[in-house]
Amino acid sequence: MVNKYCPICKEENECMTGAGEHGNCWCDAEKFPNEIFELVPAESKRKHCVCKKCLNTYKEEQKI
């Protein structure tokens, strides 16, 4: 089961991976810069999904 909280802001990440008929999530269509994962604590890597708000904030701050 996917953790439902963002490891960066601790808010709900709205991850839909594995849910529904196709198991798709909003993040399937997103490009995640590798550097954003440096903000994720080691114990959360590959276990907790980053939320859209944190992704967008990071992209704005980095001018991506």
C-alpha atoms as a PDB file:
ATOM      1  CA  MET A   1       0.000   0.000   0.000  1.00  0.00           C
ATOM      2  CA  VAL A   2       1.261   3.458  -0.930  1.00  0.00           C
ATOM      3  CA  ASN A   3       1.658   5.979   1.876  1.00  0.00           C
ATOM      4  CA  LYS A   4      -0.855   8.784   1.415  1.00  0.00           C
ATOM      5  CA  TYR A   5       1.287  11.606   2.821  1.00  0.00           C
ATOM      6  CA  CYS A   6       3.937  13.645   1.032  1.00  0.00           C
ATOM      7  CA  PRO A   7       7.382  13.128   2.622  1.00  0.00           C
ATOM      8  CA  ILE A   8       8.232  16.804   2.060  1.00  0.00           C
ATOM      9  CA  CYS A   9       5.198  18.731   3.384  1.00  0.00           C
ATOM     10  CA  LYS A  10       3.431  15.875   5.248  1.00  0.00           C
ATOM     11  CA  GLU A  11       0.093  16.761   3.586  1.00  0.00           C
ATOM     12  CA  GLU A  12      -1.988  14.186   1.679  1.00  0.00           C
ATOM     13  CA  ASN A  13      -0.347  13.482  -1.661  1.00  0.00           C
ATOM     14  CA  GLU A  14      -3.542  12.370  -3.467  1.00  0.00           C
ATOM     15  CA  CYS A  15      -1.693   9.394  -4.897  1.00  0.00           C
ATOM     16  CA  MET A  16      -3.980   7.187  -6.967  1.00  0.00           C
ATOM     17  CA  THR A  17      -1.408   4.585  -8.028  1.00  0.00           C
ATOM     18  CA  GLY A  18      -3.034   1.188  -7.907  1.00  0.00           C
ATOM     19  CA  ALA A  19      -6.507   2.649  -7.334  1.00  0.00           C
ATOM     20  CA  GLY A  20      -9.329   2.150  -9.770  1.00  0.00           C
ATOM     21  CA  GLU A  21      -9.453   0.131 -12.934  1.00  0.00           C
ATOM     22  CA  HIS A  22      -6.233   1.404 -14.517  1.00  0.00           C
ATOM     23  CA  GLY A  23      -4.260   2.304 -11.406  1.00  0.00           C
ATOM     24  CA  ASN A  24      -3.203   5.651 -12.866  1.00  0.00           C
ATOM     25  CA  CYS A  25      -2.220   8.705 -10.862  1.00  0.00           C
ATOM     26  CA  TRP A  26      -1.798  12.431 -11.593  1.00  0.00           C
ATOM     27  CA  CYS A  27       1.951  11.880 -11.430  1.00  0.00           C
ATOM     28  CA  ASP A  28       1.965   9.531 -14.432  1.00  0.00           C
ATOM     29  CA  ALA A  29       1.864  12.577 -16.725  1.00  0.00           C
ATOM     30  CA  GLU A  30       4.367  14.638 -14.699  1.00  0.00           C
ATOM     31  CA  LYS A  31       8.121  15.081 -15.036  1.00  0.00           C
ATOM     32  CA  PHE A  32       9.883  14.919 -11.671  1.00  0.00           C
ATOM     33  CA  PRO A  33      13.344  16.514 -11.584  1.00  0.00           C
ATOM     34  CA  ASN A  34      15.766  14.072  -9.947  1.00  0.00           C
ATOM     35  CA  GLU A  35      16.883  16.798  -7.536  1.00  0.00           C
ATOM     36  CA  ILE A  36      13.463  16.931  -5.843  1.00  0.00           C
ATOM     37  CA  PHE A  37      14.117  13.483  -4.429  1.00  0.00           C
ATOM     38  CA  GLU A  38      17.068  14.914  -2.479  1.00  0.00           C
ATOM     39  CA  LEU A  39      14.395  16.622  -0.305  1.00  0.00           C
ATOM     40  CA  VAL A  40      12.862  13.259   0.603  1.00  0.00           C
ATOM     41  CA  PRO A  41      14.175  11.682   3.820  1.00  0.00           C
ATOM     42  CA  ALA A  42      16.073   8.422   3.211  1.00  0.00           C
ATOM     43  CA  GLU A  43      13.472   6.322   5.050  1.00  0.00           C
ATOM     44  CA  SER A  44      10.716   7.645   2.729  1.00  0.00           C
ATOM     45  CA  LYS A  45      12.452   7.197  -0.634  1.00  0.00           C
ATOM     46  CA  ARG A  46      10.529   4.862  -2.923  1.00  0.00           C
ATOM     47  CA  LYS A  47       7.858   4.517  -0.236  1.00  0.00           C
ATOM     48  CA  HIS A  48       6.093   7.890  -0.096  1.00  0.00           C
ATOM     49  CA  CYS A  49       4.908   9.951  -3.065  1.00  0.00           C
ATOM     50  CA  VAL A  50       5.677  13.660  -3.434  1.00  0.00           C
ATOM     51  CA  CYS A  51       2.487  15.745  -3.771  1.00  0.00           C
ATOM     52  CA  LYS A  52       1.616  17.968  -6.719  1.00  0.00           C
ATOM     53  CA  LYS A  53       1.889  21.133  -4.606  1.00  0.00           C
ATOM     54  CA  CYS A  54       5.484  20.330  -3.607  1.00  0.00           C
ATOM     55  CA  LEU A  55       6.362  19.368  -7.176  1.00  0.00           C
ATOM     56  CA  ASN A  56       4.951  22.636  -8.550  1.00  0.00           C
ATOM     57  CA  THR A  57       6.600  24.710  -5.809  1.00  0.00           C
ATOM     58  CA  TYR A  58       9.945  23.068  -6.503  1.00  0.00           C
ATOM     59  CA  LYS A  59       9.627  23.674 -10.256  1.00  0.00           C
ATOM     60  CA  GLU A  60       8.711  27.335  -9.664  1.00  0.00           C
ATOM     61  CA  GLU A  61      11.617  27.869  -7.259  1.00  0.00           C
ATOM     62  CA  GLN A  62      14.069  26.203  -9.651  1.00  0.00           C
ATOM     63  CA  LYS A  63      12.497  27.905 -12.694  1.00  0.00           C
ATOM     64  CA  ILE A  64      11.921  24.546 -14.397  1.00  0.00           C
END
